Structures are given as C-alpha cells and as structure tokens.
Amino acid sequence: MSTIYRLQFLLIAAAAILAAAFPANAQTTLEAVKQKGVLVAGSSAEYPPFEYVADGKLVGYDVDMAEEITRRMGVKVAWEKIDFKGIVAALTAKRVDVLITALTWTPERAERIAFSDPYFDAGIGAITPRSSAIEKAADLTGRKVGVQLGSSGERYVRETIGSKVGQLLTYDSITLAINDLKNGRVEAVVNPLPVLRYAVRNDSGFRYTAVWDTRVVGINTRLEDKELLAEINRHLGDLKREGFLAKLETKWFGPNQ
C-alpha cells in the first residue's frame, strides 16, 4: 500500500471512530421523550400525600403535578415504583428519565443528580404521641427515634443529635416508621413535616412539632440532561404563577398547611 493510500485509509478509519463516538444525530433525553411521547418518572410510591397507592392507583400531590407538567410538554407520564434507598441510582443508571418523588435537596445528592427549581418547602420536624415532652431537636437526646433510610430526616438526626440519640431505627419507608410510632416501638419519627402532618391529621393521639430546619424538594434529572431540566423549570414556573401548585397544596395538605 502506497503512502498516499495508507494515509487515506487512516483518515477514513479515524473519521469512522469519531462518528461512532460522537454521532451527529445523537438525541438528548428531552428529544427522546418527546419522540416517544412518554416521560418515565421514578417514584417511591410510599410518601403520602406526595405519592402513594390508593385502590391500586398512584395518587398524590406529585402525581397531579407531574400529569399537568407532562400535559403541557405534550407527552404522557409513565410511573416506575422504586425503593427509596435505590432511587438516585435508578436515575443515574437511566432506568427512568426523571425522579418525581419529593426528593429533598442535599449537597451530596446535588453532586450526583440535578434538582429543578424548588416546588415545595418541606421543613424537618417530628411527630410524637400527644403526651410526649419532645418539642425541639435537642429533646431527642436519649430517645428511641425512627427515620426513613436515606432520607433528609435521617441525615438531620445524625448531623444534629448524632450519638446522643438513645437508638436510631431506620425503615425502608416512612409508613413503616410511623406504624412503629403508633405501636409504641419508637418515641418520635423525624421527617419533612408535610408527610408527618398528613399521617396524623385524623389521629388525636399524636402531634407534630414546629419546623426545626427548612428543606426544599424538586424534580430530578441527570446532570447532563440540561434541556429536560430547563423544560421542567419552565413549566414549574408557570404552575407557580398560575396558582396551580397552591391549589394542589390545599387539596393534599389542607388550607392551613
């Protein structure tokens, strides 16, 4: 093979490698979602009233919000239930397109996944039996406390009270933690307050504390999916300005939440 032909061969081979590595028609996640007409959303499905299963159907604040956002995007939402402890990994592994599951912003999570503009401020607090003397975080010292594994409630207790807690019990879902509180196995459950308020709204034997620390939640995309995140933020902004999210808050949490 002559030098010229050899050079041509190498140039063609190099071009083929580059084309494979950087295809000209590579789709963004947003483009792929709009092409297939479906946004696949991951949810724990065990976080009432944000999302939970009732009569075999996923319902809640996040569900109503997601359906309105995807309607405005011109697509449908398809839900995939994922254990909360593995929900971030499911997004980064591209099992789902987004997470719509009232995930609280933390610095560690923000290094792995992107957060939309906040759509709810879910401050940290606790629920306790009505007779309990627990009012502030320091009152958890020496107590048996329940938290959802991997949640902002667990993070808050570990960072704020740490080893001063008598015993910290972790649960795969917040519902299991609340059930143990009602059965007397723990003395308090720490979590974002909206979920806790909802859990004891009709139970006079329990009460919730004041907000101990502010926490905001958002919709999540992969870090590289900037176009999809921008689209979600645009619709979230519209929903806030139009009062849609305020109506959802009244619907799912009551007028004074």
Protein backbone atom coordinates (compact mmCIF):
# COMPACT_ATOMS: atom_id res chain seq x y z
CA MET A 1 0.00 0.00 0.00
CA SER A 2 1.41 3.35 -1.04
CA THR A 3 1.97 6.12 1.45
CA ILE A 4 -0.95 8.12 -0.02
CA TYR A 5 -3.37 5.19 0.15
CA ARG A 6 -2.17 4.35 3.64
CA LEU A 7 -2.81 7.94 4.75
CA GLN A 8 -6.28 7.91 3.16
CA PHE A 9 -7.07 4.65 4.92
CA LEU A 10 -6.00 6.04 8.28
CA LEU A 11 -8.05 9.20 7.78
CA ILE A 12 -11.17 7.18 6.88
CA ALA A 13 -10.67 4.93 9.89
CA ALA A 14 -10.22 7.90 12.20
CA ALA A 15 -13.38 9.53 10.81
CA ALA A 16 -15.34 6.33 11.41
CA ILE A 17 -14.15 6.15 15.02
CA LEU A 18 -15.11 9.78 15.64
CA ALA A 19 -18.52 9.27 14.02
CA ALA A 20 -19.18 6.32 16.29
CA ALA A 21 -18.08 8.19 19.38
CA PHE A 22 -19.94 11.41 18.50
CA PRO A 23 -22.95 10.52 16.33
CA ALA A 24 -24.31 13.57 14.55
CA ASN A 25 -27.91 12.59 15.27
CA ALA A 26 -27.49 11.79 18.99
CA GLN A 27 -30.71 12.65 20.81
CA THR A 28 -31.00 14.48 24.06
CA THR A 29 -33.24 12.92 26.70
CA LEU A 30 -35.81 15.67 26.09
CA GLU A 31 -35.87 14.90 22.36
CA ALA A 32 -36.20 11.18 23.05
CA VAL A 33 -39.06 11.77 25.50
CA LYS A 34 -40.96 13.92 23.03
CA GLN A 35 -40.36 11.47 20.21
CA LYS A 36 -41.77 8.50 22.15
CA GLY A 37 -44.45 10.64 23.80
CA VAL A 38 -43.71 9.32 27.29
CA LEU A 39 -41.75 10.64 30.26
CA VAL A 40 -40.76 7.76 32.58
CA ALA A 41 -40.78 9.02 36.17
CA GLY A 42 -39.36 7.19 39.17
CA SER A 43 -41.25 7.34 42.47
CA SER A 44 -41.05 5.62 45.83
CA ALA A 45 -44.88 5.49 45.80
CA GLU A 46 -44.79 5.36 49.61
CA TYR A 47 -44.67 9.01 50.63
CA PRO A 48 -48.21 10.23 51.29
CA PRO A 49 -49.57 12.68 50.44
CA PHE A 50 -46.91 13.37 47.79
CA GLU A 51 -47.32 9.93 46.26
CA TYR A 52 -48.94 6.70 47.42
CA VAL A 53 -51.10 3.87 46.11
CA ALA A 54 -54.85 4.01 46.79
CA ASP A 55 -57.20 1.42 45.32
CA GLY A 56 -54.40 0.17 43.09
CA LYS A 57 -53.69 3.62 41.62
CA LEU A 58 -50.80 6.01 42.25
CA VAL A 59 -52.17 9.30 43.60
CA GLY A 60 -50.91 12.40 45.41
CA TYR A 61 -49.54 15.90 45.07
CA ASP A 62 -46.58 14.82 42.91
CA VAL A 63 -48.83 12.75 40.65
CA ASP A 64 -51.18 15.64 39.94
CA MET A 65 -48.24 17.97 39.35
CA ALA A 66 -46.48 15.53 37.03
CA GLU A 67 -49.60 14.94 34.96
CA GLU A 68 -50.04 18.67 34.45
CA ILE A 69 -46.38 19.23 33.54
CA THR A 70 -46.34 16.37 31.02
CA ARG A 71 -49.65 17.54 29.55
CA ARG A 72 -48.03 20.89 28.86
CA MET A 73 -45.00 19.11 27.39
CA GLY A 74 -47.28 17.20 25.04
CA VAL A 75 -46.40 13.77 26.45
CA LYS A 76 -47.74 11.25 28.96
CA VAL A 77 -46.14 10.26 32.27
CA ALA A 78 -45.38 6.60 33.00
CA TRP A 79 -44.54 5.76 36.61
CA GLU A 80 -42.00 3.27 37.84
CA LYS A 81 -42.02 2.34 41.53
CA ILE A 82 -38.52 2.19 43.03
CA ASP A 83 -37.37 1.52 46.59
CA PHE A 84 -36.36 4.87 48.05
CA LYS A 85 -32.87 3.70 49.02
CA GLY A 86 -32.07 2.98 45.36
CA ILE A 87 -33.93 5.80 43.71
CA VAL A 88 -30.95 8.07 42.86
CA ALA A 89 -29.03 5.12 41.39
CA ALA A 90 -32.05 4.27 39.22
CA LEU A 91 -31.93 7.74 37.67
CA THR A 92 -28.18 7.78 37.05
CA ALA A 93 -28.38 4.28 35.54
CA LYS A 94 -31.03 5.58 33.07
CA ARG A 95 -33.74 3.26 34.34
CA VAL A 96 -36.03 6.32 34.36
CA ASP A 97 -35.96 9.76 32.73
CA VAL A 98 -36.66 11.76 35.91
CA LEU A 99 -37.48 11.41 39.59
CA ILE A 100 -40.74 12.97 40.75
CA THR A 101 -40.85 11.87 44.36
CA ALA A 102 -40.49 14.94 46.63
CA LEU A 103 -36.75 14.38 46.95
CA THR A 104 -35.11 16.82 49.33
CA TRP A 105 -32.09 18.79 48.10
CA THR A 106 -28.82 17.92 49.81
CA PRO A 107 -25.25 18.80 48.75
CA GLU A 108 -24.41 15.11 48.27
CA ARG A 109 -27.42 14.44 46.07
CA ALA A 110 -26.75 17.60 44.05
CA GLU A 111 -23.33 16.21 43.15
CA ARG A 112 -24.96 13.14 41.56
CA ILE A 113 -28.22 14.45 40.09
CA ALA A 114 -29.79 17.76 39.11
CA PHE A 115 -32.62 19.44 41.00
CA SER A 116 -35.32 21.59 39.46
CA ASP A 117 -36.37 24.87 40.99
CA PRO A 118 -38.00 24.03 44.36
CA TYR A 119 -41.71 23.30 44.21
CA PHE A 120 -42.30 22.68 47.93
CA ASP A 121 -40.65 23.67 51.20
CA ALA A 122 -40.82 20.58 53.39
CA GLY A 123 -39.32 21.62 56.71
CA ILE A 124 -37.91 18.97 59.05
CA GLY A 125 -39.73 18.17 62.28
CA ALA A 126 -41.15 15.24 64.23
CA ILE A 127 -44.37 13.53 65.20
CA THR A 128 -44.77 12.16 68.71
CA PRO A 129 -47.50 10.89 71.00
CA ARG A 130 -49.55 13.82 72.28
CA SER A 131 -48.27 13.23 75.81
CA SER A 132 -44.61 13.50 74.74
CA ALA A 133 -42.37 16.28 76.03
CA ILE A 134 -40.40 16.39 72.75
CA GLU A 135 -40.60 19.93 71.33
CA LYS A 136 -37.20 20.63 69.78
CA ALA A 137 -34.41 18.59 68.23
CA ALA A 138 -32.35 18.56 71.41
CA ASP A 139 -35.21 16.73 73.13
CA LEU A 140 -34.38 13.63 71.09
CA THR A 141 -31.38 13.03 73.33
CA GLY A 142 -31.66 9.57 74.86
CA ARG A 143 -34.83 8.80 72.87
CA LYS A 144 -35.71 5.98 70.50
CA VAL A 145 -36.21 7.68 67.12
CA GLY A 146 -37.47 6.38 63.78
CA VAL A 147 -36.42 7.69 60.36
CA GLN A 148 -36.69 6.62 56.74
CA LEU A 149 -33.45 5.12 55.47
CA GLY A 150 -31.57 7.58 53.25
CA SER A 151 -34.00 10.42 53.93
CA SER A 152 -33.35 14.02 54.92
CA GLY A 153 -34.87 13.14 58.29
CA GLU A 154 -32.18 10.53 58.90
CA ARG A 155 -29.47 12.97 57.80
CA TYR A 156 -30.79 15.67 60.08
CA VAL A 157 -30.86 13.44 63.17
CA ARG A 158 -27.37 12.05 62.54
CA GLU A 159 -25.87 15.50 61.97
CA THR A 160 -27.78 17.39 64.67
CA ILE A 161 -28.10 14.88 67.53
CA GLY A 162 -25.75 12.10 66.46
CA SER A 163 -24.74 9.67 69.17
CA LYS A 164 -26.88 11.47 71.75
CA VAL A 165 -29.94 9.67 70.38
CA GLY A 166 -30.77 6.69 72.55
CA GLN A 167 -31.46 4.48 69.49
CA LEU A 168 -31.95 5.37 65.83
CA LEU A 169 -34.14 2.93 63.92
CA THR A 170 -34.17 3.12 60.11
CA TYR A 171 -37.02 1.97 57.86
CA ASP A 172 -37.36 1.38 54.14
CA SER A 173 -40.49 3.57 54.04
CA ILE A 174 -41.80 6.41 56.17
CA THR A 175 -45.07 4.50 56.57
CA LEU A 176 -43.27 1.70 58.44
CA ALA A 177 -41.62 4.22 60.75
CA ILE A 178 -44.96 5.87 61.54
CA ASN A 179 -46.57 2.49 62.19
CA ASP A 180 -43.86 1.71 64.76
CA LEU A 181 -44.51 5.07 66.43
CA LYS A 182 -48.21 4.24 66.68
CA ASN A 183 -47.32 0.82 68.09
CA GLY A 184 -45.03 2.36 70.71
CA ARG A 185 -41.76 0.97 69.33
CA VAL A 186 -40.25 4.43 68.84
CA GLU A 187 -40.85 7.71 70.67
CA ALA A 188 -40.65 10.04 67.67
CA VAL A 189 -40.39 9.95 63.88
CA VAL A 190 -38.30 12.68 62.21
CA ASN A 191 -39.02 13.62 58.60
CA PRO A 192 -40.16 16.52 56.42
CA LEU A 193 -43.28 17.77 58.19
CA PRO A 194 -45.89 17.70 55.39
CA VAL A 195 -45.81 13.91 55.28
CA LEU A 196 -45.93 13.67 59.07
CA ARG A 197 -48.83 16.11 59.31
CA TYR A 198 -50.75 14.08 56.78
CA ALA A 199 -50.07 10.87 58.70
CA VAL A 200 -51.65 12.12 61.94
CA ARG A 201 -54.26 14.50 60.55
CA ASN A 202 -57.13 12.36 61.88
CA ASP A 203 -55.41 10.89 64.94
CA SER A 204 -55.82 12.93 68.11
CA GLY A 205 -53.33 10.72 69.96
CA PHE A 206 -50.38 12.23 68.10
CA ARG A 207 -48.99 15.68 67.41
CA TYR A 208 -46.31 17.29 65.26
CA THR A 209 -43.62 19.74 66.27
CA ALA A 210 -42.73 23.12 64.83
CA VAL A 211 -40.31 23.26 61.87
CA TRP A 212 -36.76 22.50 63.02
CA ASP A 213 -34.98 23.12 59.72
CA THR A 214 -36.04 24.18 56.22
CA ARG A 215 -35.88 21.63 53.40
CA VAL A 216 -36.84 22.16 49.75
CA VAL A 217 -37.80 19.48 47.25
CA GLY A 218 -37.53 19.37 43.47
CA ILE A 219 -37.88 17.23 40.36
CA ASN A 220 -34.67 15.44 39.40
CA THR A 221 -32.89 14.81 36.12
CA ARG A 222 -29.44 13.51 35.32
CA LEU A 223 -26.75 16.19 35.45
CA GLU A 224 -26.22 16.10 31.71
CA ASP A 225 -29.93 16.49 30.84
CA LYS A 226 -29.88 20.28 30.91
CA GLU A 227 -32.51 20.67 28.17
CA LEU A 228 -35.00 18.48 30.03
CA LEU A 229 -34.35 20.32 33.30
CA ALA A 230 -34.90 23.69 31.60
CA GLU A 231 -38.20 22.45 30.16
CA ILE A 232 -39.35 21.23 33.58
CA ASN A 233 -38.35 24.51 35.24
CA ARG A 234 -40.27 26.50 32.63
CA HIS A 235 -43.48 24.60 33.33
CA LEU A 236 -42.94 24.67 37.10
CA GLY A 237 -42.61 28.45 36.92
CA ASP A 238 -45.89 28.68 35.03
CA LEU A 239 -47.66 26.43 37.55
CA LYS A 240 -46.47 28.62 40.43
CA ARG A 241 -47.51 31.88 38.72
CA GLU A 242 -50.92 30.49 37.79
CA GLY A 243 -51.63 29.28 41.33
CA PHE A 244 -51.80 25.64 40.30
CA LEU A 245 -49.32 24.48 42.97
CA ALA A 246 -51.13 26.46 45.66
CA LYS A 247 -54.35 24.65 44.75
CA LEU A 248 -52.56 21.30 44.98
CA GLU A 249 -51.25 22.22 48.42
CA THR A 250 -54.76 22.97 49.64
CA LYS A 251 -56.08 19.76 48.08
CA TRP A 252 -53.49 17.45 49.61
CA PHE A 253 -52.43 19.20 52.83
CA GLY A 254 -55.40 21.38 53.75
CA PRO A 255 -55.76 25.18 53.70
CA ASN A 256 -53.52 25.85 56.72
CA GLN A 257 -50.51 23.70 55.76
